[in-house]
Amino acid sequence: MIRRDIKIDDIPFYVKILLIFLPWFCIPGIGQLPIPLAVVALIYLIFQHKIYNKILFPVYFRVYPFRAALVLFFVYSVLSALLGLINLSILGKTTLHLYDFDVSYTPIVLQRLFLLSMCLGVMEIMRSQRWVLERVLYYWLIGMSVAVIIHVLCNVAISDELTRKGSLFKEGNHAGLYYIVSFFCGLEYIRITRDKIGYQFVALDIVGLLLTQSSAGILTLGLTIWVRQLFLSKTMASFFRTILISGVAVIVLLNSIDSFEFGAKIKEKLFEEEITAASFSRMDRMESVNIAVTLFMDNPVIGQGLQTYGFLTNDLLKGVLLDAYDFSYRRIPNNIYAEIIAEQGVVGFISFSLILCMVVFIIFRNKRDKNYNFLAGTLGVLGYWFAFPTYTILYIWVFWGIAINNRVGNE
């Protein structure tokens, strides 16, 4: 039973399962799950009779600015899906013909709407409860620890490079962002409990991030730690000292990056001008953004329609990437902001940005976030989204629900 005066050990079992199973998108060696395990746990939570009466009714029928922003974006996304169906029908592109199989637009867009409803709903559910913060973080970190252990086992026992990077996740970037968010959950757990196990959680998390081999993840974590330290500076002297030390560290790192195999790969990925296995993802992302801008300019106000990017972009490929791309998969922008503005136009971008601005503002004003851990994690998400495949990842919205809940919650 969910109660406002809930005790420390009364976090419902299915909420613990939800937090522990957040990383489970795949089973290594078997393949991707039809529905992520955390979504299954969330559906079970939603359809509990008492949850339905106590939580969902006030969530969706009591209107105030934050909930209004969530409803606005979801309703517009539904309308954008209808627009996409109309546009693709006119162009005769409702089915994408790839080398090995065909992809239909309708199930793709319905899946996006379903996952979006789950993400917005879970944020409101996590935000509206009074579960003790340290217990919520504890079960999140238990789930992270299990994910890291499985990630280590994948690197030991499996030769496939993608599986080694992604493990329980679809890909390395999914894992990288999860470990970034979990890093700041670990720091917040240490701040609240002063428990030594918190340091073990953080150490495990760093191991997991390194195993993803995600250059974007490692760079994003470094930048968010730096920004967090700037916020923690209490005097101008400490502020400038942090900038000076970080500047020296960056110079030393850049000069020594070639000394390590992994560092050399990162350098090649970020700066190589020719197409290689390492540099392809960067070039592909840059071209994806250019294509997104082209689609946006064609219909800047309302966009092309939800999830239409992959159905419209194959004809827009050009240059060296056209020769490298094998047309065996549906293209994605790999940039959340480019995706939103291309598919949903200025209207969608503004409604989506409104949610993000409210999240940042609420967390920034949160006096309980004394070490800016939740703010740093949020900035990490927003920064990583410049090189991320999708915004309907459940753990991001669970994290924001926890962070916003902390504004009024119990420690």
Foldseek 3Di string as FASTA:
>chain_A
DADQPDDQPRDDPLLLVLLLQLLFQAAPPPGGDPDRPSLVSLVVQCPPVVCVVPPVCCLQPVDDVLSVLLVVLLVLQVVLQVLLVVLCVVVVLQWADFDPDIDGNVVVSVVVSVLSCSLVRLLRVLQPGFHALLSSLVSNLNSVLVQLVQLVVCCVPPDDLQCNQSVSHNGNLVQLLSLLLNLLSLVVSCVVPVDPVSVVSNVSSVSSNVSNLDLLSVVLSVVLVLVLQCVVDPDPVSNVVSVVVVVVVVVVCVVCLVVDPSSVLSCCCPDPPDDDPSVPLVVLLVVLLVVLVVLCVVPAAFANGPPCSQSPCLVVDDDPVVVVDRRRDRDFNQAVLSRQCHSGHPVSNVSVVVNLVVLLVLLVPQVLCVSCSLNSSSVSVNSSNRRHGDDSSNVVSNSSSSSNSSSPHHD
